[in-house]
Amino acid sequence: MKNHKKFSFPGRIQSFVYAFRGLKILAKEEHNFRIHLLATILVIVSGLFAQLSCFEWLALIFAIAFVIITEILNTAVENLADFVSPGQNEKIRKVKDIAAAAVLVAAIVAVTTGGFIFLPRFSLLFS
């Protein structure tokens, strides 16, 4: 039978501390995470400039979150895989490649979403 801990506000607050510590680690140690954050800033600035609709913002927020969440999970998988098997291992390489593929798919979806939203607006500027 599981040992269930009682709910406590300090315990919930501590879980936020752990989560923010994770974000700090990502920002400090993960080059790709910083690239995603830079892209996020550029998209937000472009969205403000383009005066997006509520639904366009919603689509962009989900696309951005999709990329960042998959990058976070990919990093977690890579760190766990490196801990479990520090040396060369074909099965671990496969797992890491598959996790990286999730980020690639998310990025393709995000770029496609951004293209649908921004290309018509920016094409008007240059025509």
N, C-alpha and C. Protein backbone atom coordinates (compact mmCIF):
# COMPACT_ATOMS: atom_id res chain seq x y z
N MET A 1 0.84 -1.17 0.00
CA MET A 1 0.00 0.00 0.00
C MET A 1 0.89 1.25 0.00
N LYS A 2 0.49 2.26 -0.77
CA LYS A 2 1.27 3.48 -0.88
C LYS A 2 1.20 4.28 0.41
N ASN A 3 2.32 4.94 0.69
CA ASN A 3 2.40 5.85 1.82
C ASN A 3 2.07 7.25 1.32
N HIS A 4 0.90 7.74 1.63
CA HIS A 4 0.46 9.06 1.18
C HIS A 4 0.81 10.10 2.24
N LYS A 5 1.49 11.16 1.77
CA LYS A 5 1.80 12.26 2.67
C LYS A 5 0.61 13.21 2.72
N LYS A 6 0.44 13.86 3.85
CA LYS A 6 -0.63 14.84 3.98
C LYS A 6 -0.27 16.08 3.17
N PHE A 7 -1.31 16.74 2.68
CA PHE A 7 -1.13 17.99 1.94
C PHE A 7 -0.58 19.05 2.89
N SER A 8 0.41 19.79 2.38
CA SER A 8 0.92 20.92 3.16
C SER A 8 1.31 22.03 2.20
N PHE A 9 1.02 23.27 2.61
CA PHE A 9 1.40 24.42 1.78
C PHE A 9 2.91 24.54 1.64
N PRO A 10 3.68 24.34 2.72
CA PRO A 10 5.14 24.40 2.55
C PRO A 10 5.65 23.34 1.55
N GLY A 11 5.04 22.17 1.56
CA GLY A 11 5.41 21.13 0.60
C GLY A 11 5.11 21.53 -0.83
N ARG A 12 3.97 22.17 -1.05
CA ARG A 12 3.61 22.65 -2.39
C ARG A 12 4.55 23.76 -2.84
N ILE A 13 4.87 24.66 -1.93
CA ILE A 13 5.79 25.75 -2.25
C ILE A 13 7.16 25.18 -2.61
N GLN A 14 7.60 24.17 -1.87
CA GLN A 14 8.90 23.54 -2.14
C GLN A 14 8.91 22.91 -3.54
N SER A 15 7.78 22.37 -3.99
CA SER A 15 7.75 21.79 -5.34
C SER A 15 7.95 22.86 -6.40
N PHE A 16 7.45 24.08 -6.15
CA PHE A 16 7.71 25.19 -7.07
C PHE A 16 9.19 25.58 -7.05
N VAL A 17 9.80 25.53 -5.87
CA VAL A 17 11.23 25.82 -5.77
C VAL A 17 12.02 24.85 -6.63
N TYR A 18 11.68 23.56 -6.57
CA TYR A 18 12.37 22.55 -7.39
C TYR A 18 12.18 22.84 -8.88
N ALA A 19 10.94 23.19 -9.26
CA ALA A 19 10.65 23.44 -10.67
C ALA A 19 11.43 24.65 -11.19
N PHE A 20 11.46 25.73 -10.41
CA PHE A 20 12.22 26.91 -10.84
C PHE A 20 13.72 26.62 -10.86
N ARG A 21 14.18 25.77 -9.96
CA ARG A 21 15.59 25.36 -9.98
C ARG A 21 15.88 24.61 -11.28
N GLY A 22 14.94 23.79 -11.72
CA GLY A 22 15.10 23.08 -12.98
C GLY A 22 15.20 24.04 -14.16
N LEU A 23 14.35 25.07 -14.17
CA LEU A 23 14.42 26.08 -15.24
C LEU A 23 15.76 26.80 -15.21
N LYS A 24 16.26 27.09 -14.02
CA LYS A 24 17.56 27.76 -13.89
C LYS A 24 18.68 26.87 -14.45
N ILE A 25 18.63 25.59 -14.14
CA ILE A 25 19.62 24.65 -14.66
C ILE A 25 19.57 24.62 -16.18
N LEU A 26 18.36 24.54 -16.73
CA LEU A 26 18.21 24.53 -18.19
C LEU A 26 18.81 25.78 -18.82
N ALA A 27 18.48 26.94 -18.27
CA ALA A 27 18.96 28.20 -18.83
C ALA A 27 20.48 28.30 -18.73
N LYS A 28 21.04 27.76 -17.68
CA LYS A 28 22.48 27.85 -17.46
C LYS A 28 23.26 26.82 -18.28
N GLU A 29 22.73 25.61 -18.41
CA GLU A 29 23.51 24.50 -18.95
C GLU A 29 23.12 24.05 -20.36
N GLU A 30 21.94 24.39 -20.82
CA GLU A 30 21.46 23.84 -22.08
C GLU A 30 21.41 24.89 -23.18
N HIS A 31 22.34 24.77 -24.11
CA HIS A 31 22.45 25.71 -25.24
C HIS A 31 21.14 25.77 -26.04
N ASN A 32 20.56 24.61 -26.36
CA ASN A 32 19.33 24.59 -27.16
C ASN A 32 18.17 25.25 -26.44
N PHE A 33 18.11 25.12 -25.13
CA PHE A 33 17.06 25.78 -24.36
C PHE A 33 17.18 27.29 -24.50
N ARG A 34 18.40 27.80 -24.43
CA ARG A 34 18.61 29.24 -24.60
C ARG A 34 18.23 29.69 -26.00
N ILE A 35 18.49 28.86 -27.00
CA ILE A 35 18.08 29.19 -28.38
C ILE A 35 16.55 29.27 -28.45
N HIS A 36 15.87 28.33 -27.82
CA HIS A 36 14.40 28.34 -27.81
C HIS A 36 13.87 29.58 -27.10
N LEU A 37 14.53 29.99 -26.02
CA LEU A 37 14.09 31.19 -25.30
C LEU A 37 14.30 32.44 -26.17
N LEU A 38 15.41 32.50 -26.88
CA LEU A 38 15.65 33.62 -27.78
C LEU A 38 14.59 33.66 -28.88
N ALA A 39 14.29 32.49 -29.46
CA ALA A 39 13.25 32.42 -30.49
C ALA A 39 11.90 32.86 -29.92
N THR A 40 11.62 32.47 -28.69
CA THR A 40 10.38 32.87 -28.03
C THR A 40 10.29 34.39 -27.92
N ILE A 41 11.37 35.01 -27.50
CA ILE A 41 11.39 36.47 -27.37
C ILE A 41 11.16 37.13 -28.73
N LEU A 42 11.82 36.62 -29.77
CA LEU A 42 11.65 37.18 -31.12
C LEU A 42 10.21 37.03 -31.61
N VAL A 43 9.60 35.89 -31.33
CA VAL A 43 8.21 35.66 -31.73
C VAL A 43 7.27 36.60 -30.98
N ILE A 44 7.50 36.77 -29.69
CA ILE A 44 6.63 37.66 -28.90
C ILE A 44 6.76 39.10 -29.40
N VAL A 45 7.98 39.55 -29.64
CA VAL A 45 8.18 40.92 -30.15
C VAL A 45 7.52 41.06 -31.52
N SER A 46 7.70 40.06 -32.38
CA SER A 46 7.06 40.11 -33.70
C SER A 46 5.55 40.11 -33.59
N GLY A 47 5.03 39.33 -32.65
CA GLY A 47 3.58 39.29 -32.44
C GLY A 47 3.03 40.62 -31.96
N LEU A 48 3.77 41.29 -31.10
CA LEU A 48 3.34 42.62 -30.64
C LEU A 48 3.36 43.60 -31.80
N PHE A 49 4.39 43.52 -32.61
CA PHE A 49 4.51 44.40 -33.77
C PHE A 49 3.38 44.14 -34.77
N ALA A 50 3.03 42.86 -34.96
CA ALA A 50 2.02 42.47 -35.95
C ALA A 50 0.59 42.60 -35.44
N GLN A 51 0.42 42.93 -34.16
CA GLN A 51 -0.90 43.08 -33.56
C GLN A 51 -1.78 41.85 -33.81
N LEU A 52 -1.33 40.73 -33.30
CA LEU A 52 -2.02 39.46 -33.51
C LEU A 52 -3.37 39.43 -32.81
N SER A 53 -4.24 38.58 -33.34
CA SER A 53 -5.54 38.36 -32.70
C SER A 53 -5.35 37.43 -31.49
N CYS A 54 -6.38 37.35 -30.69
CA CYS A 54 -6.35 36.48 -29.52
C CYS A 54 -6.08 35.02 -29.91
N PHE A 55 -6.72 34.56 -30.97
CA PHE A 55 -6.53 33.17 -31.39
C PHE A 55 -5.14 32.93 -31.96
N GLU A 56 -4.58 33.93 -32.62
CA GLU A 56 -3.20 33.80 -33.12
C GLU A 56 -2.22 33.72 -31.95
N TRP A 57 -2.43 34.56 -30.93
CA TRP A 57 -1.59 34.47 -29.74
C TRP A 57 -1.71 33.11 -29.08
N LEU A 58 -2.92 32.61 -29.00
CA LEU A 58 -3.15 31.30 -28.40
C LEU A 58 -2.39 30.21 -29.15
N ALA A 59 -2.47 30.24 -30.48
CA ALA A 59 -1.74 29.26 -31.29
C ALA A 59 -0.24 29.37 -31.05
N LEU A 60 0.28 30.59 -30.99
CA LEU A 60 1.72 30.77 -30.76
C LEU A 60 2.12 30.32 -29.36
N ILE A 61 1.30 30.62 -28.37
CA ILE A 61 1.62 30.19 -27.00
C ILE A 61 1.70 28.66 -26.93
N PHE A 62 0.75 27.99 -27.55
CA PHE A 62 0.79 26.53 -27.54
C PHE A 62 1.99 25.99 -28.31
N ALA A 63 2.32 26.60 -29.43
CA ALA A 63 3.48 26.17 -30.22
C ALA A 63 4.77 26.38 -29.43
N ILE A 64 4.90 27.53 -28.79
CA ILE A 64 6.09 27.81 -27.98
C ILE A 64 6.18 26.82 -26.83
N ALA A 65 5.07 26.61 -26.13
CA ALA A 65 5.06 25.67 -25.00
C ALA A 65 5.41 24.26 -25.46
N PHE A 66 4.90 23.86 -26.61
CA PHE A 66 5.18 22.53 -27.17
C PHE A 66 6.68 22.34 -27.35
N VAL A 67 7.35 23.34 -27.91
CA VAL A 67 8.80 23.24 -28.13
C VAL A 67 9.55 23.23 -26.81
N ILE A 68 9.20 24.14 -25.92
CA ILE A 68 9.93 24.23 -24.65
C ILE A 68 9.72 22.98 -23.80
N ILE A 69 8.50 22.48 -23.75
CA ILE A 69 8.23 21.27 -22.97
C ILE A 69 8.98 20.07 -23.54
N THR A 70 8.98 19.92 -24.86
CA THR A 70 9.72 18.78 -25.43
C THR A 70 11.22 18.94 -25.21
N GLU A 71 11.73 20.17 -25.25
CA GLU A 71 13.16 20.38 -24.96
C GLU A 71 13.48 20.02 -23.51
N ILE A 72 12.59 20.38 -22.59
CA ILE A 72 12.78 20.03 -21.18
C ILE A 72 12.79 18.51 -21.01
N LEU A 73 11.81 17.84 -21.61
CA LEU A 73 11.74 16.37 -21.49
C LEU A 73 12.93 15.70 -22.17
N ASN A 74 13.35 16.23 -23.31
CA ASN A 74 14.53 15.69 -23.99
C ASN A 74 15.77 15.81 -23.10
N THR A 75 15.93 16.95 -22.47
CA THR A 75 17.07 17.15 -21.58
C THR A 75 17.02 16.19 -20.39
N ALA A 76 15.82 16.00 -19.84
CA ALA A 76 15.67 15.05 -18.72
C ALA A 76 16.03 13.64 -19.16
N VAL A 77 15.57 13.23 -20.33
CA VAL A 77 15.88 11.89 -20.85
C VAL A 77 17.39 11.76 -21.06
N GLU A 78 18.01 12.77 -21.67
CA GLU A 78 19.46 12.72 -21.91
C GLU A 78 20.24 12.62 -20.61
N ASN A 79 19.86 13.42 -19.62
CA ASN A 79 20.56 13.38 -18.33
C ASN A 79 20.40 12.03 -17.64
N LEU A 80 19.20 11.51 -17.66
CA LEU A 80 18.96 10.20 -17.05
C LEU A 80 19.72 9.11 -17.80
N ALA A 81 19.70 9.16 -19.12
CA ALA A 81 20.41 8.16 -19.93
C ALA A 81 21.91 8.21 -19.66
N ASP A 82 22.47 9.41 -19.57
CA ASP A 82 23.90 9.55 -19.29
C ASP A 82 24.26 9.05 -17.89
N PHE A 83 23.34 9.21 -16.95
CA PHE A 83 23.57 8.71 -15.60
C PHE A 83 23.53 7.18 -15.56
N VAL A 84 22.53 6.61 -16.24
CA VAL A 84 22.35 5.16 -16.24
C VAL A 84 23.47 4.47 -17.02
N SER A 85 23.88 5.09 -18.12
CA SER A 85 24.90 4.46 -18.97
C SER A 85 25.87 5.54 -19.46
N PRO A 86 26.90 5.84 -18.65
CA PRO A 86 27.82 6.93 -19.00
C PRO A 86 28.64 6.66 -20.26
N GLY A 87 28.89 5.42 -20.59
CA GLY A 87 29.69 5.09 -21.77
C GLY A 87 28.84 5.00 -23.03
N GLN A 88 29.48 4.58 -24.11
CA GLN A 88 28.77 4.38 -25.37
C GLN A 88 27.84 3.17 -25.25
N ASN A 89 26.60 3.37 -25.67
CA ASN A 89 25.61 2.30 -25.61
C ASN A 89 24.61 2.53 -26.74
N GLU A 90 24.49 1.56 -27.62
CA GLU A 90 23.62 1.71 -28.79
C GLU A 90 22.16 1.94 -28.40
N LYS A 91 21.68 1.24 -27.38
CA LYS A 91 20.28 1.42 -26.97
C LYS A 91 20.05 2.80 -26.37
N ILE A 92 21.00 3.29 -25.59
CA ILE A 92 20.88 4.63 -25.02
C ILE A 92 20.93 5.68 -26.13
N ARG A 93 21.80 5.49 -27.12
CA ARG A 93 21.88 6.41 -28.26
C ARG A 93 20.53 6.49 -28.96
N LYS A 94 19.90 5.34 -29.12
CA LYS A 94 18.58 5.27 -29.76
C LYS A 94 17.54 6.06 -28.98
N VAL A 95 17.53 5.86 -27.67
CA VAL A 95 16.58 6.56 -26.80
C VAL A 95 16.80 8.07 -26.91
N LYS A 96 18.06 8.49 -26.87
CA LYS A 96 18.37 9.92 -26.95
C LYS A 96 17.99 10.50 -28.31
N ASP A 97 18.22 9.74 -29.38
CA ASP A 97 17.84 10.19 -30.72
C ASP A 97 16.32 10.35 -30.84
N ILE A 98 15.58 9.42 -30.27
CA ILE A 98 14.12 9.49 -30.33
C ILE A 98 13.62 10.70 -29.53
N ALA A 99 14.21 10.94 -28.36
CA ALA A 99 13.82 12.11 -27.57
C ALA A 99 14.14 13.40 -28.33
N ALA A 100 15.28 13.44 -29.01
CA ALA A 100 15.63 14.62 -29.81
C ALA A 100 14.67 14.79 -30.98
N ALA A 101 14.19 13.68 -31.53
CA ALA A 101 13.22 13.75 -32.62
C ALA A 101 11.93 14.43 -32.17
N ALA A 102 11.55 14.24 -30.91
CA ALA A 102 10.35 14.90 -30.39
C ALA A 102 10.52 16.42 -30.44
N VAL A 103 11.70 16.90 -30.09
CA VAL A 103 11.97 18.34 -30.15
C VAL A 103 11.92 18.83 -31.59
N LEU A 104 12.49 18.04 -32.49
CA LEU A 104 12.48 18.41 -33.91
C LEU A 104 11.05 18.53 -34.43
N VAL A 105 10.20 17.57 -34.11
CA VAL A 105 8.81 17.61 -34.55
C VAL A 105 8.11 18.84 -33.97
N ALA A 106 8.34 19.10 -32.69
CA ALA A 106 7.72 20.26 -32.05
C ALA A 106 8.19 21.56 -32.72
N ALA A 107 9.46 21.63 -33.04
CA ALA A 107 10.00 22.84 -33.69
C ALA A 107 9.41 23.01 -35.09
N ILE A 108 9.25 21.92 -35.83
CA ILE A 108 8.64 22.00 -37.16
C ILE A 108 7.20 22.49 -37.06
N VAL A 109 6.46 21.97 -36.08
CA VAL A 109 5.08 22.41 -35.87
C VAL A 109 5.05 23.90 -35.50
N ALA A 110 5.98 24.32 -34.64
CA ALA A 110 6.01 25.72 -34.22
C ALA A 110 6.35 26.65 -35.39
N VAL A 111 7.33 26.27 -36.19
CA VAL A 111 7.70 27.10 -37.35
C VAL A 111 6.55 27.15 -38.34
N THR A 112 5.87 26.04 -38.55
CA THR A 112 4.72 26.01 -39.45
C THR A 112 3.60 26.91 -38.93
N THR A 113 3.34 26.82 -37.63
CA THR A 113 2.32 27.68 -37.01
C THR A 113 2.70 29.15 -37.18
N GLY A 114 3.94 29.47 -36.88
CA GLY A 114 4.41 30.84 -37.05
C GLY A 114 4.32 31.30 -38.49
N GLY A 115 4.62 30.41 -39.41
CA GLY A 115 4.52 30.74 -40.83
C GLY A 115 3.11 31.10 -41.24
N PHE A 116 2.15 30.31 -40.80
CA PHE A 116 0.74 30.60 -41.11
C PHE A 116 0.31 31.95 -40.56
N ILE A 117 0.85 32.31 -39.41
CA ILE A 117 0.44 33.55 -38.76
C ILE A 117 1.20 34.76 -39.31
N PHE A 118 2.52 34.63 -39.46
CA PHE A 118 3.33 35.79 -39.80
C PHE A 118 3.55 36.03 -41.29
N LEU A 119 3.65 34.98 -42.09
CA LEU A 119 3.96 35.19 -43.51
C LEU A 119 2.96 36.09 -44.23
N PRO A 120 1.66 35.90 -44.04
CA PRO A 120 0.72 36.82 -44.73
C PRO A 120 0.93 38.28 -44.31
N ARG A 121 1.21 38.51 -43.03
CA ARG A 121 1.40 39.89 -42.55
C ARG A 121 2.68 40.51 -43.11
N PHE A 122 3.77 39.74 -43.05
CA PHE A 122 5.05 40.28 -43.49
C PHE A 122 5.13 40.37 -45.01
N SER A 123 4.39 39.54 -45.71
CA SER A 123 4.40 39.64 -47.17
C SER A 123 3.73 40.94 -47.62
N LEU A 124 2.77 41.42 -46.82
CA LEU A 124 2.14 42.71 -47.13
C LEU A 124 3.12 43.87 -46.96
N LEU A 125 4.04 43.72 -46.01
CA LEU A 125 5.02 44.78 -45.76
C LEU A 125 6.01 44.92 -46.94
N PHE A 126 6.30 43.80 -47.57
CA PHE A 126 7.33 43.80 -48.63
C PHE A 126 6.75 43.79 -50.04
N SER A 127 5.44 43.98 -50.17
CA SER A 127 4.85 43.98 -51.51
C SER A 127 4.47 45.37 -51.96
